[in-house]
Amino acid sequence: MPDGVTALPAGAEPAKPSDAVEVARVLGAWGVKGGIKLQPFSSDPKALFSSKRWFLEPSPAKLAQRVPALVRVKSAREQGDGIVATLHDVDDRDAAEALAGARVFVSRASFPTPADDEFYWVDLIGLAVTNREGLSLGAVVGLIETGPHCVLRVQPAEADADEVLIPFVAAYVDRVDREGRAIHVDWQPDY
């Protein structure tokens, strides 16, 4: 075995890494030789292509579904608005169809490094949002894709406060401090 790699006991499933991020869902079989079609959760599915190991979890809608915890990717490419892939040990349509609905995860460590002014959504969620006056607006709980740009969904600390929506554009976002886990904005809570 290579240095740093330990063998799993026979029959043991590899554990999903603690930094795993859900990046897609298996839609079903593609072709007759075991290919699968996936719905990526990003318009730019670099994370799917950056790793040759995908971690799977059963569909929440299929409680009895059994899927391998780890699959090794032979090939993956864009096909229309989805992704098609072939996997090691998935050699026929029936095996591929059995994966339909499965959730696909990739280790965050294997994502390509973004440019200085690019961010993965997963890296923005949880960051504190503060305006120019130093007023805390809350924390990012999600993002909305609107086409031309994304919008930050910020939940104030007060439980009864409404969510604040801030366009994620240079006109309103002064800077993202990854190390300080904060986003500094030109925004007021009553906008």
N, C-alpha and C. Protein backbone atom coordinates (compact mmCIF):
# COMPACT_ATOMS: atom_id res chain seq x y z
N MET A 1 0.84 -1.18 0.00
CA MET A 1 0.00 0.00 0.00
C MET A 1 0.89 1.25 0.00
N PRO A 2 0.45 2.32 -0.64
CA PRO A 2 1.21 3.56 -0.61
C PRO A 2 1.27 4.13 0.81
N ASP A 3 2.30 4.93 1.08
CA ASP A 3 2.43 5.56 2.39
C ASP A 3 1.18 6.36 2.73
N GLY A 4 0.75 6.28 4.00
CA GLY A 4 -0.39 7.06 4.45
C GLY A 4 -1.74 6.45 4.12
N VAL A 5 -1.77 5.33 3.39
CA VAL A 5 -3.03 4.68 3.04
C VAL A 5 -3.13 3.39 3.83
N THR A 6 -4.22 3.24 4.54
CA THR A 6 -4.42 2.01 5.31
C THR A 6 -5.51 1.18 4.66
N ALA A 7 -5.34 -0.12 4.74
CA ALA A 7 -6.33 -1.02 4.16
C ALA A 7 -7.55 -1.07 5.05
N LEU A 8 -8.72 -1.13 4.42
CA LEU A 8 -9.97 -1.28 5.16
C LEU A 8 -10.20 -2.75 5.42
N PRO A 9 -10.81 -3.08 6.55
CA PRO A 9 -11.16 -4.47 6.79
C PRO A 9 -12.09 -4.97 5.68
N ALA A 10 -12.04 -6.26 5.40
CA ALA A 10 -12.88 -6.83 4.34
C ALA A 10 -14.34 -6.48 4.61
N GLY A 11 -15.02 -5.99 3.58
CA GLY A 11 -16.44 -5.66 3.69
C GLY A 11 -16.72 -4.29 4.29
N ALA A 12 -15.68 -3.58 4.76
CA ALA A 12 -15.89 -2.26 5.38
C ALA A 12 -16.07 -1.20 4.28
N GLU A 13 -16.97 -0.27 4.52
CA GLU A 13 -17.20 0.83 3.60
C GLU A 13 -16.32 2.01 4.00
N PRO A 14 -15.70 2.71 3.05
CA PRO A 14 -14.90 3.89 3.40
C PRO A 14 -15.80 4.98 3.95
N ALA A 15 -15.30 5.70 4.92
CA ALA A 15 -16.08 6.78 5.53
C ALA A 15 -16.05 8.01 4.63
N LYS A 16 -17.20 8.67 4.57
CA LYS A 16 -17.28 9.93 3.83
C LYS A 16 -16.41 10.95 4.57
N PRO A 17 -15.57 11.71 3.87
CA PRO A 17 -14.71 12.68 4.55
C PRO A 17 -15.53 13.76 5.26
N SER A 18 -14.97 14.31 6.31
CA SER A 18 -15.68 15.33 7.09
C SER A 18 -15.91 16.61 6.29
N ASP A 19 -15.12 16.83 5.24
CA ASP A 19 -15.29 18.03 4.43
C ASP A 19 -16.09 17.77 3.15
N ALA A 20 -16.82 16.66 3.12
CA ALA A 20 -17.59 16.30 1.92
C ALA A 20 -18.71 17.30 1.67
N VAL A 21 -18.90 17.65 0.39
CA VAL A 21 -19.92 18.60 -0.03
C VAL A 21 -20.80 17.90 -1.07
N GLU A 22 -22.11 18.03 -0.90
CA GLU A 22 -23.02 17.44 -1.88
C GLU A 22 -22.97 18.28 -3.15
N VAL A 23 -22.66 17.62 -4.28
CA VAL A 23 -22.47 18.35 -5.53
C VAL A 23 -23.43 17.93 -6.64
N ALA A 24 -24.13 16.81 -6.46
CA ALA A 24 -25.02 16.34 -7.54
C ALA A 24 -25.95 15.26 -7.01
N ARG A 25 -26.89 14.88 -7.90
CA ARG A 25 -27.80 13.78 -7.63
C ARG A 25 -27.83 12.91 -8.88
N VAL A 26 -27.88 11.60 -8.69
CA VAL A 26 -27.96 10.68 -9.82
C VAL A 26 -29.39 10.65 -10.32
N LEU A 27 -29.58 10.96 -11.61
CA LEU A 27 -30.91 10.96 -12.20
C LEU A 27 -31.33 9.56 -12.65
N GLY A 28 -30.35 8.77 -13.09
CA GLY A 28 -30.66 7.41 -13.56
C GLY A 28 -29.59 6.90 -14.49
N ALA A 29 -29.94 5.84 -15.20
CA ALA A 29 -28.99 5.21 -16.11
C ALA A 29 -28.86 6.04 -17.39
N TRP A 30 -27.70 5.92 -18.00
CA TRP A 30 -27.44 6.56 -19.29
C TRP A 30 -26.80 5.50 -20.19
N GLY A 31 -27.49 5.10 -21.21
CA GLY A 31 -26.98 4.05 -22.10
C GLY A 31 -27.21 2.67 -21.51
N VAL A 32 -26.60 1.68 -22.14
CA VAL A 32 -26.81 0.29 -21.72
C VAL A 32 -25.59 -0.35 -21.06
N LYS A 33 -24.49 0.39 -20.99
CA LYS A 33 -23.25 -0.19 -20.46
C LYS A 33 -22.90 0.29 -19.06
N GLY A 34 -23.90 0.79 -18.31
CA GLY A 34 -23.65 1.17 -16.92
C GLY A 34 -23.37 2.64 -16.69
N GLY A 35 -23.55 3.47 -17.70
CA GLY A 35 -23.37 4.91 -17.51
C GLY A 35 -24.48 5.49 -16.65
N ILE A 36 -24.21 6.60 -16.00
CA ILE A 36 -25.22 7.28 -15.20
C ILE A 36 -25.34 8.73 -15.65
N LYS A 37 -26.51 9.31 -15.43
CA LYS A 37 -26.73 10.72 -15.70
C LYS A 37 -26.92 11.41 -14.37
N LEU A 38 -26.29 12.58 -14.20
CA LEU A 38 -26.35 13.32 -12.95
C LEU A 38 -26.88 14.72 -13.18
N GLN A 39 -27.51 15.25 -12.14
CA GLN A 39 -27.94 16.65 -12.12
C GLN A 39 -26.97 17.38 -11.19
N PRO A 40 -26.05 18.19 -11.72
CA PRO A 40 -25.12 18.91 -10.85
C PRO A 40 -25.84 20.05 -10.13
N PHE A 41 -25.35 20.41 -8.97
CA PHE A 41 -25.93 21.51 -8.20
C PHE A 41 -25.23 22.82 -8.46
N SER A 42 -24.42 22.88 -9.51
CA SER A 42 -23.70 24.10 -9.87
C SER A 42 -23.74 24.25 -11.37
N SER A 43 -23.78 25.49 -11.85
CA SER A 43 -23.75 25.70 -13.29
C SER A 43 -22.35 25.41 -13.85
N ASP A 44 -21.35 25.36 -12.98
CA ASP A 44 -19.99 25.03 -13.38
C ASP A 44 -19.53 23.86 -12.51
N PRO A 45 -19.74 22.62 -12.96
CA PRO A 45 -19.50 21.45 -12.12
C PRO A 45 -18.04 21.02 -12.01
N LYS A 46 -17.13 21.96 -11.82
CA LYS A 46 -15.71 21.64 -11.71
C LYS A 46 -15.43 20.61 -10.61
N ALA A 47 -16.17 20.71 -9.52
CA ALA A 47 -15.93 19.81 -8.39
C ALA A 47 -16.17 18.35 -8.78
N LEU A 48 -17.18 18.10 -9.60
CA LEU A 48 -17.43 16.73 -10.05
C LEU A 48 -16.27 16.21 -10.89
N PHE A 49 -15.72 17.07 -11.72
CA PHE A 49 -14.64 16.66 -12.62
C PHE A 49 -13.28 16.62 -11.92
N SER A 50 -13.16 17.27 -10.77
CA SER A 50 -11.86 17.38 -10.10
C SER A 50 -11.52 16.15 -9.29
N SER A 51 -12.48 15.27 -9.06
CA SER A 51 -12.23 14.10 -8.23
C SER A 51 -12.58 12.82 -8.97
N LYS A 52 -11.79 11.82 -8.78
CA LYS A 52 -12.07 10.51 -9.37
C LYS A 52 -12.70 9.58 -8.33
N ARG A 53 -13.05 10.15 -7.18
CA ARG A 53 -13.73 9.39 -6.12
C ARG A 53 -14.96 10.17 -5.67
N TRP A 54 -16.11 9.57 -5.82
CA TRP A 54 -17.34 10.20 -5.37
C TRP A 54 -17.91 9.37 -4.23
N PHE A 55 -18.40 10.04 -3.23
CA PHE A 55 -19.05 9.39 -2.10
C PHE A 55 -20.55 9.47 -2.32
N LEU A 56 -21.24 8.37 -2.09
CA LEU A 56 -22.68 8.32 -2.33
C LEU A 56 -23.44 8.09 -1.04
N GLU A 57 -24.65 8.63 -1.01
CA GLU A 57 -25.61 8.35 0.05
C GLU A 57 -26.93 8.05 -0.62
N PRO A 58 -27.74 7.20 -0.01
CA PRO A 58 -29.03 6.87 -0.61
C PRO A 58 -29.94 8.10 -0.70
N SER A 59 -30.87 8.02 -1.63
CA SER A 59 -31.88 9.07 -1.77
C SER A 59 -32.74 9.13 -0.51
N PRO A 60 -33.04 10.31 0.01
CA PRO A 60 -33.93 10.41 1.17
C PRO A 60 -35.33 9.87 0.85
N ALA A 61 -35.70 9.84 -0.43
CA ALA A 61 -37.00 9.33 -0.83
C ALA A 61 -37.04 7.81 -0.96
N LYS A 62 -35.87 7.19 -0.93
CA LYS A 62 -35.78 5.73 -1.08
C LYS A 62 -35.07 5.15 0.14
N LEU A 63 -35.78 4.99 1.22
CA LEU A 63 -35.18 4.57 2.48
C LEU A 63 -34.48 3.22 2.39
N ALA A 64 -34.94 2.33 1.53
CA ALA A 64 -34.33 1.00 1.43
C ALA A 64 -33.22 0.93 0.38
N GLN A 65 -32.93 2.05 -0.29
CA GLN A 65 -31.91 2.05 -1.35
C GLN A 65 -30.54 1.73 -0.76
N ARG A 66 -29.84 0.82 -1.43
CA ARG A 66 -28.47 0.48 -1.02
C ARG A 66 -27.54 0.94 -2.13
N VAL A 67 -26.63 1.83 -1.77
CA VAL A 67 -25.65 2.33 -2.73
C VAL A 67 -24.27 2.17 -2.11
N PRO A 68 -23.25 1.99 -2.95
CA PRO A 68 -21.89 1.93 -2.39
C PRO A 68 -21.53 3.28 -1.78
N ALA A 69 -20.78 3.27 -0.70
CA ALA A 69 -20.38 4.52 -0.05
C ALA A 69 -19.38 5.29 -0.91
N LEU A 70 -18.62 4.57 -1.72
CA LEU A 70 -17.59 5.19 -2.55
C LEU A 70 -17.62 4.56 -3.93
N VAL A 71 -17.57 5.40 -4.96
CA VAL A 71 -17.42 4.90 -6.33
C VAL A 71 -16.21 5.57 -6.96
N ARG A 72 -15.55 4.83 -7.83
CA ARG A 72 -14.40 5.36 -8.56
C ARG A 72 -14.86 5.71 -9.97
N VAL A 73 -14.53 6.92 -10.41
CA VAL A 73 -15.00 7.46 -11.68
C VAL A 73 -14.04 7.09 -12.80
N LYS A 74 -14.58 6.48 -13.86
CA LYS A 74 -13.79 6.22 -15.07
C LYS A 74 -13.75 7.47 -15.92
N SER A 75 -14.95 8.04 -16.17
CA SER A 75 -15.03 9.24 -17.00
C SER A 75 -16.27 10.03 -16.60
N ALA A 76 -16.22 11.33 -16.84
CA ALA A 76 -17.36 12.21 -16.59
C ALA A 76 -17.24 13.39 -17.55
N ARG A 77 -18.41 13.78 -18.09
CA ARG A 77 -18.41 14.92 -19.02
C ARG A 77 -19.79 15.55 -19.03
N GLU A 78 -19.83 16.80 -19.52
CA GLU A 78 -21.10 17.50 -19.64
C GLU A 78 -21.86 16.93 -20.83
N GLN A 79 -23.18 16.81 -20.65
CA GLN A 79 -24.06 16.32 -21.71
C GLN A 79 -25.35 17.12 -21.57
N GLY A 80 -25.55 18.10 -22.46
CA GLY A 80 -26.73 18.96 -22.34
C GLY A 80 -26.66 19.76 -21.04
N ASP A 81 -27.73 19.72 -20.27
CA ASP A 81 -27.73 20.45 -18.99
C ASP A 81 -27.36 19.55 -17.81
N GLY A 82 -26.84 18.37 -18.10
CA GLY A 82 -26.44 17.45 -17.03
C GLY A 82 -25.03 16.95 -17.23
N ILE A 83 -24.72 15.90 -16.50
CA ILE A 83 -23.41 15.25 -16.56
C ILE A 83 -23.66 13.77 -16.81
N VAL A 84 -22.85 13.15 -17.64
CA VAL A 84 -22.89 11.70 -17.79
C VAL A 84 -21.54 11.17 -17.34
N ALA A 85 -21.59 9.99 -16.70
CA ALA A 85 -20.36 9.43 -16.14
C ALA A 85 -20.39 7.91 -16.24
N THR A 86 -19.21 7.33 -16.28
CA THR A 86 -19.07 5.88 -16.14
C THR A 86 -18.25 5.63 -14.90
N LEU A 87 -18.59 4.56 -14.20
CA LEU A 87 -17.96 4.23 -12.92
C LEU A 87 -17.36 2.84 -12.97
N HIS A 88 -16.29 2.63 -12.24
CA HIS A 88 -15.75 1.29 -12.08
C HIS A 88 -16.79 0.46 -11.33
N ASP A 89 -16.92 -0.79 -11.70
CA ASP A 89 -17.81 -1.75 -11.03
C ASP A 89 -19.30 -1.47 -11.24
N VAL A 90 -19.65 -0.58 -12.14
CA VAL A 90 -21.05 -0.38 -12.55
C VAL A 90 -21.03 -0.65 -14.05
N ASP A 91 -21.36 -1.91 -14.41
CA ASP A 91 -21.13 -2.36 -15.77
C ASP A 91 -22.36 -2.58 -16.62
N ASP A 92 -23.56 -2.38 -16.05
CA ASP A 92 -24.75 -2.57 -16.87
C ASP A 92 -25.84 -1.59 -16.45
N ARG A 93 -26.86 -1.52 -17.27
CA ARG A 93 -27.94 -0.56 -17.05
C ARG A 93 -28.65 -0.79 -15.72
N ASP A 94 -28.86 -2.04 -15.33
CA ASP A 94 -29.55 -2.33 -14.07
C ASP A 94 -28.76 -1.79 -12.88
N ALA A 95 -27.44 -1.98 -12.88
CA ALA A 95 -26.61 -1.47 -11.78
C ALA A 95 -26.64 0.05 -11.75
N ALA A 96 -26.65 0.67 -12.92
CA ALA A 96 -26.71 2.13 -12.98
C ALA A 96 -28.07 2.64 -12.51
N GLU A 97 -29.14 1.97 -12.94
CA GLU A 97 -30.49 2.39 -12.55
C GLU A 97 -30.69 2.27 -11.04
N ALA A 98 -30.02 1.33 -10.41
CA ALA A 98 -30.14 1.16 -8.95
C ALA A 98 -29.58 2.36 -8.18
N LEU A 99 -28.77 3.18 -8.84
CA LEU A 99 -28.19 4.37 -8.20
C LEU A 99 -29.08 5.60 -8.33
N ALA A 100 -30.17 5.51 -9.08
CA ALA A 100 -31.06 6.66 -9.31
C ALA A 100 -31.50 7.27 -7.99
N GLY A 101 -31.34 8.58 -7.89
CA GLY A 101 -31.72 9.32 -6.68
C GLY A 101 -30.60 9.48 -5.67
N ALA A 102 -29.52 8.72 -5.83
CA ALA A 102 -28.42 8.80 -4.86
C ALA A 102 -27.81 10.19 -4.85
N ARG A 103 -27.38 10.60 -3.67
CA ARG A 103 -26.73 11.90 -3.48
C ARG A 103 -25.23 11.72 -3.68
N VAL A 104 -24.59 12.63 -4.41
CA VAL A 104 -23.17 12.54 -4.74
C VAL A 104 -22.41 13.62 -3.98
N PHE A 105 -21.36 13.20 -3.27
CA PHE A 105 -20.52 14.09 -2.48
C PHE A 105 -19.08 14.00 -2.97
N VAL A 106 -18.37 15.12 -2.86
CA VAL A 106 -16.95 15.20 -3.19
C VAL A 106 -16.25 15.90 -2.03
N SER A 107 -15.05 15.46 -1.71
CA SER A 107 -14.27 16.11 -0.66
C SER A 107 -13.96 17.54 -1.07
N ARG A 108 -14.19 18.50 -0.20
CA ARG A 108 -13.91 19.91 -0.47
C ARG A 108 -12.44 20.10 -0.81
N ALA A 109 -11.57 19.30 -0.22
CA ALA A 109 -10.14 19.41 -0.47
C ALA A 109 -9.78 19.13 -1.93
N SER A 110 -10.63 18.42 -2.65
CA SER A 110 -10.32 18.11 -4.05
C SER A 110 -10.90 19.11 -5.03
N PHE A 111 -11.62 20.12 -4.55
CA PHE A 111 -12.16 21.15 -5.44
C PHE A 111 -10.99 21.93 -6.05
N PRO A 112 -11.12 22.38 -7.30
CA PRO A 112 -10.09 23.25 -7.86
C PRO A 112 -9.99 24.55 -7.06
N THR A 113 -8.81 25.11 -6.97
CA THR A 113 -8.62 26.36 -6.23
C THR A 113 -9.23 27.51 -7.03
N PRO A 114 -10.17 28.25 -6.40
CA PRO A 114 -10.78 29.38 -7.13
C PRO A 114 -9.81 30.56 -7.21
N ALA A 115 -10.05 31.43 -8.18
CA ALA A 115 -9.27 32.66 -8.28
C ALA A 115 -9.59 33.54 -7.07
N ASP A 116 -8.79 34.58 -6.85
CA ASP A 116 -8.97 35.45 -5.68
C ASP A 116 -10.35 36.06 -5.60
N ASP A 117 -10.96 36.34 -6.74
CA ASP A 117 -12.29 36.97 -6.73
C ASP A 117 -13.41 35.98 -7.02
N GLU A 118 -13.14 34.68 -6.89
CA GLU A 118 -14.14 33.64 -7.07
C GLU A 118 -14.35 32.90 -5.76
N PHE A 119 -15.58 32.42 -5.57
CA PHE A 119 -15.91 31.74 -4.33
C PHE A 119 -16.86 30.59 -4.60
N TYR A 120 -16.66 29.50 -3.88
CA TYR A 120 -17.65 28.43 -3.91
C TYR A 120 -18.74 28.80 -2.91
N TRP A 121 -19.98 28.52 -3.27
CA TRP A 121 -21.09 28.83 -2.39
C TRP A 121 -20.87 28.21 -1.02
N VAL A 122 -20.41 26.98 -0.99
CA VAL A 122 -20.22 26.28 0.28
C VAL A 122 -19.27 27.04 1.20
N ASP A 123 -18.35 27.81 0.62
CA ASP A 123 -17.39 28.57 1.43
C ASP A 123 -17.99 29.86 1.97
N LEU A 124 -19.09 30.32 1.37
CA LEU A 124 -19.73 31.55 1.83
C LEU A 124 -20.77 31.29 2.92
N ILE A 125 -21.36 30.11 2.91
CA ILE A 125 -22.40 29.78 3.89
C ILE A 125 -21.77 29.75 5.28
N GLY A 126 -22.42 30.45 6.20
CA GLY A 126 -21.93 30.52 7.58
C GLY A 126 -21.10 31.76 7.87
N LEU A 127 -20.67 32.50 6.83
CA LEU A 127 -19.87 33.69 7.08
C LEU A 127 -20.73 34.80 7.68
N ALA A 128 -20.15 35.54 8.61
CA ALA A 128 -20.83 36.68 9.22
C ALA A 128 -20.85 37.83 8.22
N VAL A 129 -21.96 38.57 8.19
CA VAL A 129 -22.10 39.70 7.27
C VAL A 129 -22.20 40.98 8.09
N THR A 130 -21.29 41.92 7.80
CA THR A 130 -21.23 43.18 8.53
C THR A 130 -21.23 44.32 7.52
N ASN A 131 -21.96 45.41 7.86
CA ASN A 131 -21.99 46.55 6.93
C ASN A 131 -20.86 47.53 7.27
N ARG A 132 -20.75 48.62 6.50
CA ARG A 132 -19.66 49.58 6.65
C ARG A 132 -19.67 50.27 8.01
N GLU A 133 -20.82 50.35 8.64
CA GLU A 133 -20.92 50.98 9.97
C GLU A 133 -20.58 49.99 11.08
N GLY A 134 -20.24 48.76 10.73
CA GLY A 134 -19.89 47.76 11.72
C GLY A 134 -21.09 47.02 12.30
N LEU A 135 -22.27 47.24 11.75
CA LEU A 135 -23.48 46.58 12.22
C LEU A 135 -23.56 45.17 11.65
N SER A 136 -23.77 44.20 12.53
CA SER A 136 -23.92 42.81 12.10
C SER A 136 -25.29 42.63 11.46
N LEU A 137 -25.31 42.12 10.22
CA LEU A 137 -26.56 41.86 9.52
C LEU A 137 -26.99 40.41 9.68
N GLY A 138 -26.11 39.56 10.18
CA GLY A 138 -26.41 38.15 10.37
C GLY A 138 -25.37 37.27 9.72
N ALA A 139 -25.79 36.05 9.35
CA ALA A 139 -24.89 35.08 8.73
C ALA A 139 -25.51 34.55 7.45
N VAL A 140 -24.67 34.22 6.49
CA VAL A 140 -25.13 33.68 5.21
C VAL A 140 -25.68 32.27 5.45
N VAL A 141 -26.92 32.06 5.05
CA VAL A 141 -27.54 30.74 5.20
C VAL A 141 -27.75 30.05 3.85
N GLY A 142 -27.51 30.78 2.77
CA GLY A 142 -27.67 30.21 1.45
C GLY A 142 -27.50 31.27 0.39
N LEU A 143 -27.59 30.86 -0.85
CA LEU A 143 -27.50 31.78 -1.97
C LEU A 143 -28.60 31.45 -2.96
N ILE A 144 -28.99 32.44 -3.75
CA ILE A 144 -29.99 32.26 -4.79
C ILE A 144 -29.33 32.62 -6.11
N GLU A 145 -29.45 31.74 -7.09
CA GLU A 145 -28.94 32.01 -8.44
C GLU A 145 -30.04 32.72 -9.22
N THR A 146 -29.77 33.95 -9.67
CA THR A 146 -30.79 34.71 -10.39
C THR A 146 -30.51 34.80 -11.88
N GLY A 147 -29.42 34.26 -12.33
CA GLY A 147 -29.03 34.38 -13.74
C GLY A 147 -27.87 35.34 -13.86
N PRO A 148 -28.13 36.66 -13.80
CA PRO A 148 -27.03 37.60 -13.95
C PRO A 148 -26.04 37.58 -12.78
N HIS A 149 -26.53 37.29 -11.58
CA HIS A 149 -25.65 37.26 -10.41
C HIS A 149 -26.33 36.45 -9.31
N CYS A 150 -25.59 36.19 -8.25
CA CYS A 150 -26.13 35.47 -7.09
C CYS A 150 -26.59 36.47 -6.04
N VAL A 151 -27.45 36.00 -5.16
CA VAL A 151 -27.94 36.83 -4.06
C VAL A 151 -27.67 36.08 -2.75
N LEU A 152 -27.04 36.78 -1.80
CA LEU A 152 -26.78 36.21 -0.48
C LEU A 152 -28.07 36.19 0.32
N ARG A 153 -28.36 35.06 0.96
CA ARG A 153 -29.48 34.97 1.90
C ARG A 153 -28.87 35.07 3.29
N VAL A 154 -29.16 36.17 3.98
CA VAL A 154 -28.55 36.45 5.29
C VAL A 154 -29.63 36.38 6.36
N GLN A 155 -29.41 35.55 7.37
CA GLN A 155 -30.36 35.42 8.47
C GLN A 155 -29.83 36.21 9.67
N PRO A 156 -30.57 37.25 10.10
CA PRO A 156 -30.16 38.00 11.29
C PRO A 156 -30.18 37.10 12.53
N ALA A 157 -29.45 37.51 13.56
CA ALA A 157 -29.38 36.73 14.79
C ALA A 157 -30.72 36.66 15.51
N GLU A 158 -31.53 37.70 15.39
CA GLU A 158 -32.84 37.71 16.04
C GLU A 158 -33.73 36.68 15.36
N ALA A 159 -34.31 35.78 16.15
CA ALA A 159 -35.10 34.68 15.60
C ALA A 159 -36.31 35.15 14.80
N ASP A 160 -36.91 36.26 15.17
CA ASP A 160 -38.12 36.72 14.49
C ASP A 160 -37.83 37.69 13.34
N ALA A 161 -36.56 37.97 13.07
CA ALA A 161 -36.20 38.92 12.01
C ALA A 161 -36.29 38.25 10.63
N ASP A 162 -36.70 39.03 9.66
CA ASP A 162 -36.79 38.53 8.29
C ASP A 162 -35.40 38.38 7.68
N GLU A 163 -35.30 37.43 6.77
CA GLU A 163 -34.07 37.19 6.03
C GLU A 163 -33.74 38.43 5.20
N VAL A 164 -32.45 38.75 5.11
CA VAL A 164 -31.97 39.88 4.32
C VAL A 164 -31.38 39.32 3.03
N LEU A 165 -31.76 39.90 1.89
CA LEU A 165 -31.23 39.46 0.60
C LEU A 165 -30.30 40.54 0.06
N ILE A 166 -29.05 40.15 -0.22
CA ILE A 166 -28.04 41.10 -0.68
C ILE A 166 -27.44 40.59 -1.99
N PRO A 167 -27.54 41.36 -3.08
CA PRO A 167 -26.91 40.94 -4.34
C PRO A 167 -25.40 40.76 -4.13
N PHE A 168 -24.88 39.63 -4.60
CA PHE A 168 -23.45 39.34 -4.45
C PHE A 168 -22.71 39.92 -5.65
N VAL A 169 -22.63 41.26 -5.66
CA VAL A 169 -21.96 42.01 -6.73
C VAL A 169 -21.07 43.07 -6.09
N ALA A 170 -20.08 43.52 -6.84
CA ALA A 170 -19.10 44.48 -6.32
C ALA A 170 -19.73 45.77 -5.82
N ALA A 171 -20.87 46.17 -6.37
CA ALA A 171 -21.52 47.41 -5.94
C ALA A 171 -21.94 47.35 -4.47
N TYR A 172 -22.19 46.15 -3.95
CA TYR A 172 -22.67 46.01 -2.56
C TYR A 172 -21.72 45.21 -1.67
N VAL A 173 -20.90 44.36 -2.25
CA VAL A 173 -19.97 43.55 -1.46
C VAL A 173 -18.60 44.20 -1.54
N ASP A 174 -18.15 44.75 -0.40
CA ASP A 174 -16.84 45.40 -0.37
C ASP A 174 -15.71 44.38 -0.42
N ARG A 175 -15.83 43.34 0.43
CA ARG A 175 -14.80 42.30 0.40
C ARG A 175 -15.27 41.07 1.15
N VAL A 176 -14.67 39.95 0.78
CA VAL A 176 -14.90 38.69 1.47
C VAL A 176 -13.60 38.34 2.18
N ASP A 177 -13.67 38.23 3.48
CA ASP A 177 -12.51 37.89 4.31
C ASP A 177 -12.63 36.41 4.67
N ARG A 178 -12.02 35.55 3.84
CA ARG A 178 -12.12 34.10 4.07
C ARG A 178 -11.54 33.71 5.42
N GLU A 179 -10.36 34.22 5.73
CA GLU A 179 -9.71 33.84 6.99
C GLU A 179 -10.49 34.35 8.20
N GLY A 180 -11.05 35.56 8.10
CA GLY A 180 -11.83 36.13 9.19
C GLY A 180 -13.27 35.67 9.19
N ARG A 181 -13.64 34.84 8.20
CA ARG A 181 -14.99 34.27 8.07
C ARG A 181 -16.06 35.35 8.09
N ALA A 182 -15.82 36.42 7.27
CA ALA A 182 -16.75 37.55 7.25
C ALA A 182 -16.89 38.11 5.84
N ILE A 183 -18.04 38.71 5.60
CA ILE A 183 -18.30 39.44 4.37
C ILE A 183 -18.66 40.86 4.77
N HIS A 184 -17.98 41.84 4.17
CA HIS A 184 -18.21 43.25 4.48
C HIS A 184 -18.99 43.86 3.31
N VAL A 185 -20.12 44.51 3.63
CA VAL A 185 -21.02 44.98 2.59
C VAL A 185 -21.42 46.45 2.78
N ASP A 186 -21.87 47.04 1.70
CA ASP A 186 -22.48 48.38 1.72
C ASP A 186 -23.99 48.14 1.67
N TRP A 187 -24.60 47.88 2.82
CA TRP A 187 -26.01 47.49 2.90
C TRP A 187 -26.56 47.86 4.27
N GLN A 188 -27.81 48.21 4.31
CA GLN A 188 -28.48 48.50 5.57
C GLN A 188 -29.54 47.45 5.86
N PRO A 189 -29.83 47.19 7.11
CA PRO A 189 -30.79 46.13 7.45
C PRO A 189 -32.21 46.42 6.97
N ASP A 190 -32.54 47.67 6.71
CA ASP A 190 -33.91 47.99 6.30
C ASP A 190 -34.05 48.13 4.77
N TYR A 191 -33.05 47.74 4.01
CA TYR A 191 -33.16 47.80 2.54
C TYR A 191 -34.13 46.73 2.08
